[in-house]
Amino acid sequence: MGRYDPAAMRRLPRLIVLAAMLACALLAAGCGNRVSERSQTSTEGPYIDLDQLKYQVQISRYLNPNDVEDKTYLSGLPTGTPEPGGDETWFAVFMRVWNPGDKPAPAADSFEIVDTQGNTYTPVQQDPKINPFAYVPGTVAPKGLIPTPDSIASEGVIKQGALVLFKIKTDSLQNRPLILRFKHGNGTTASVNLDV
């Protein structure tokens, strides 16, 4: 049997701690190679992934046609578009899209808002030649953004996103959460719970 060595016994706890720290470091390093992806989020703000692109709802809110700022967001509507009735309101979602990759990628081209009662709303199209804030689906260049940098929409003081405009029933504002769903032509979808 070996001789008892008090100095070796004092070093043993340190060696165990060092071995545990090394194991944790290796585990963390392995996890760091994985890219975290999510296709849904319970609030506005975080980026969510849809195919090769990352989407972020900057803000969502109802629009007041009598407000000077909001009038600008409501420009470019198709001729003959009726104003919201007494039980309806304009509702804006300001969306930012980022392509972190090295290849061009198509942006989402289909949006809808669904409330907890199953009411579904689709966007009202706006003419981007008249309304510089209007969301325009298309191909996003590598490292590119929607809205494009240095555009009016990207330089907004509060909303640095492209506008997706809806007309919704005011009752739906109480049927929360309102869920924004969007997808590409290939059918992949993502969703965000809007902060109403």
Protein backbone atom coordinates (compact mmCIF):
# COMPACT_ATOMS: atom_id res chain seq x y z
CA MET A 1 0.00 0.00 0.00
CA GLY A 2 1.27 3.52 -0.84
CA ARG A 3 2.26 6.04 1.72
CA TYR A 4 -0.19 8.79 2.74
CA ASP A 5 0.87 12.12 1.17
CA PRO A 6 -0.94 15.13 2.74
CA ALA A 7 0.27 17.52 -0.03
CA ALA A 8 -1.18 15.26 -2.73
CA MET A 9 -4.49 15.09 -0.86
CA ARG A 10 -4.68 18.92 -0.80
CA ARG A 11 -4.10 19.07 -4.56
CA LEU A 12 -6.84 16.53 -5.33
CA PRO A 13 -9.82 18.93 -4.95
CA ARG A 14 -8.07 21.47 -7.19
CA LEU A 15 -7.50 18.82 -9.86
CA ILE A 16 -11.16 17.80 -9.72
CA VAL A 17 -12.28 21.45 -10.08
CA LEU A 18 -9.86 21.99 -12.98
CA ALA A 19 -11.07 18.84 -14.73
CA ALA A 20 -14.70 19.94 -14.31
CA MET A 21 -13.90 23.43 -15.68
CA LEU A 22 -12.13 21.91 -18.67
CA ALA A 23 -15.12 19.65 -19.40
CA CYS A 24 -17.50 22.64 -19.22
CA ALA A 25 -15.26 24.68 -21.52
CA LEU A 26 -15.17 21.90 -24.10
CA LEU A 27 -18.93 21.51 -23.93
CA ALA A 28 -19.48 25.26 -24.35
CA ALA A 29 -17.07 25.40 -27.29
CA GLY A 30 -18.97 22.62 -29.03
CA CYS A 31 -22.27 24.42 -28.50
CA GLY A 32 -20.82 27.63 -29.91
CA ASN A 33 -20.60 26.09 -33.37
CA ARG A 34 -24.38 25.72 -33.52
CA VAL A 35 -26.39 28.64 -34.91
CA SER A 36 -29.52 29.31 -32.92
CA GLU A 37 -32.54 29.57 -35.20
CA ARG A 38 -36.14 30.33 -34.42
CA SER A 39 -39.17 30.59 -36.68
CA GLN A 40 -41.49 32.12 -34.10
CA THR A 41 -41.30 34.51 -31.21
CA SER A 42 -43.71 35.65 -28.52
CA THR A 43 -42.82 39.33 -28.84
CA GLU A 44 -41.61 41.94 -31.30
CA GLY A 45 -37.91 42.73 -31.45
CA PRO A 46 -35.99 39.44 -31.68
CA TYR A 47 -34.81 38.27 -35.09
CA ILE A 48 -36.56 35.21 -36.43
CA ASP A 49 -35.35 32.97 -39.22
CA LEU A 50 -37.12 32.10 -42.44
CA ASP A 51 -34.95 30.16 -44.85
CA GLN A 52 -31.76 32.19 -45.35
CA LEU A 53 -33.08 35.52 -44.04
CA LYS A 54 -33.63 37.07 -40.61
CA TYR A 55 -36.77 39.09 -39.92
CA GLN A 56 -37.42 41.58 -37.15
CA VAL A 57 -40.66 43.39 -36.35
CA GLN A 58 -39.48 46.84 -35.30
CA ILE A 59 -42.89 47.96 -34.06
CA SER A 60 -46.58 47.47 -34.77
CA ARG A 61 -49.37 49.93 -34.04
CA TYR A 62 -52.64 51.31 -35.31
CA LEU A 63 -52.46 54.41 -37.53
CA ASN A 64 -54.46 57.60 -37.16
CA PRO A 65 -55.30 59.11 -40.59
CA ASN A 66 -55.63 62.55 -38.94
CA ASP A 67 -52.03 62.44 -37.64
CA VAL A 68 -49.46 64.18 -39.87
CA GLU A 69 -46.90 61.36 -39.60
CA ASP A 70 -49.46 58.61 -40.10
CA LYS A 71 -50.88 60.28 -43.24
CA THR A 72 -47.50 59.62 -44.90
CA TYR A 73 -47.70 55.92 -44.04
CA LEU A 74 -51.16 55.77 -45.62
CA SER A 75 -50.08 57.22 -48.96
CA GLY A 76 -49.94 55.09 -52.10
CA LEU A 77 -53.19 53.20 -51.48
CA PRO A 78 -54.96 51.84 -54.56
CA THR A 79 -57.50 54.22 -56.05
CA GLY A 80 -60.91 53.69 -54.51
CA THR A 81 -59.63 52.03 -51.34
CA PRO A 82 -62.36 52.70 -48.74
CA GLU A 83 -61.46 54.28 -45.44
CA PRO A 84 -61.86 52.01 -42.41
CA GLY A 85 -65.46 51.79 -41.22
CA GLY A 86 -66.49 52.64 -37.67
CA ASP A 87 -65.49 49.16 -36.52
CA GLU A 88 -62.12 49.08 -38.36
CA THR A 89 -58.70 50.69 -38.10
CA TRP A 90 -55.47 50.89 -40.09
CA PHE A 91 -52.77 48.75 -38.50
CA ALA A 92 -49.07 48.99 -39.40
CA VAL A 93 -46.28 46.46 -38.99
CA PHE A 94 -42.78 47.81 -39.59
CA MET A 95 -40.52 44.96 -40.68
CA ARG A 96 -36.75 44.73 -41.11
CA VAL A 97 -35.22 41.91 -43.20
CA TRP A 98 -31.53 41.02 -43.17
CA ASN A 99 -29.55 38.63 -45.34
CA PRO A 100 -26.49 37.56 -43.31
CA GLY A 101 -25.42 35.10 -45.99
CA ASP A 102 -23.20 35.23 -49.05
CA LYS A 103 -25.95 34.49 -51.60
CA PRO A 104 -29.00 36.50 -52.67
CA ALA A 105 -32.25 35.24 -51.11
CA PRO A 106 -35.96 35.97 -51.71
CA ALA A 107 -37.84 37.89 -49.01
CA ALA A 108 -41.24 36.83 -47.69
CA ASP A 109 -44.05 37.68 -50.09
CA SER A 110 -47.12 36.64 -48.09
CA PHE A 111 -48.31 38.12 -44.78
CA GLU A 112 -51.38 37.75 -42.59
CA ILE A 113 -52.51 38.74 -39.11
CA VAL A 114 -54.64 36.27 -37.14
CA ASP A 115 -56.42 37.00 -33.86
CA THR A 116 -57.42 34.52 -31.14
CA GLN A 117 -60.92 34.18 -32.66
CA GLY A 118 -59.50 33.05 -36.01
CA ASN A 119 -60.15 36.34 -37.84
CA THR A 120 -57.54 36.70 -40.58
CA TYR A 121 -56.37 39.90 -42.25
CA THR A 122 -54.17 40.33 -45.33
CA PRO A 123 -52.15 43.43 -46.25
CA VAL A 124 -53.44 46.35 -48.25
CA GLN A 125 -50.97 46.85 -51.09
CA GLN A 126 -49.36 50.26 -51.45
CA ASP A 127 -47.53 51.80 -54.38
CA PRO A 128 -43.83 52.03 -53.40
CA LYS A 129 -43.33 54.79 -56.00
CA ILE A 130 -45.66 56.95 -53.90
CA ASN A 131 -45.01 55.55 -50.42
CA PRO A 132 -41.27 55.13 -49.65
CA PHE A 133 -42.11 53.15 -46.48
CA ALA A 134 -44.03 50.36 -48.28
CA TYR A 135 -42.62 46.83 -47.96
CA VAL A 136 -41.58 45.47 -51.34
CA PRO A 137 -40.78 41.76 -51.51
CA GLY A 138 -37.92 40.81 -53.71
CA THR A 139 -34.42 39.42 -53.62
CA VAL A 140 -32.22 40.59 -50.77
CA ALA A 141 -28.56 40.91 -51.71
CA PRO A 142 -25.84 39.23 -49.61
CA LYS A 143 -25.42 41.25 -46.38
CA GLY A 144 -28.34 43.37 -47.65
CA LEU A 145 -31.37 44.79 -45.86
CA ILE A 146 -35.00 45.68 -46.37
CA PRO A 147 -35.48 48.61 -46.15
CA THR A 148 -32.30 49.50 -47.97
CA PRO A 149 -29.75 51.48 -45.95
CA ASP A 150 -29.93 55.27 -46.32
CA SER A 151 -33.56 55.10 -47.44
CA ILE A 152 -36.27 57.14 -45.72
CA ALA A 153 -37.71 53.96 -44.21
CA SER A 154 -34.36 52.80 -42.79
CA GLU A 155 -33.58 56.21 -41.30
CA GLY A 156 -36.88 56.61 -39.44
CA VAL A 157 -36.49 57.96 -35.93
CA ILE A 158 -38.76 55.34 -34.35
CA LYS A 159 -39.55 52.79 -37.02
CA GLN A 160 -36.55 51.59 -39.00
CA GLY A 161 -38.50 49.07 -41.02
CA ALA A 162 -40.58 48.68 -44.16
CA LEU A 163 -44.35 49.08 -43.74
CA VAL A 164 -46.78 46.18 -44.12
CA LEU A 165 -50.24 47.79 -43.86
CA PHE A 166 -53.45 46.08 -42.72
CA LYS A 167 -57.05 47.13 -42.19
CA ILE A 168 -58.41 45.21 -39.20
CA LYS A 169 -61.53 45.16 -37.05
CA THR A 170 -61.10 47.12 -33.82
CA ASP A 171 -62.53 44.13 -31.91
CA SER A 172 -59.45 42.15 -32.97
CA LEU A 173 -57.26 44.53 -30.96
CA GLN A 174 -58.87 42.92 -27.89
CA ASN A 175 -58.47 39.35 -29.21
CA ARG A 176 -54.79 39.14 -28.36
CA PRO A 177 -52.25 38.05 -29.09
CA LEU A 178 -52.42 39.13 -32.70
CA ILE A 179 -50.09 36.84 -34.62
CA LEU A 180 -48.25 37.98 -37.72
CA ARG A 181 -47.56 35.04 -40.03
CA PHE A 182 -45.42 35.33 -43.12
CA LYS A 183 -43.99 32.99 -45.69
CA HIS A 184 -42.05 32.61 -48.89
CA GLY A 185 -43.44 31.29 -52.12
CA ASN A 186 -41.91 27.90 -51.22
CA GLY A 187 -44.33 27.58 -48.28
CA THR A 188 -41.99 27.89 -45.27
CA THR A 189 -43.56 30.07 -42.57
CA ALA A 190 -42.63 32.09 -39.49
CA SER A 191 -44.69 33.98 -36.91
CA VAL A 192 -44.46 36.82 -34.39
CA ASN A 193 -46.84 37.70 -31.56
CA LEU A 194 -47.45 41.42 -32.02
CA ASP A 195 -47.21 43.79 -29.06
CA VAL A 196 -50.57 45.54 -29.30
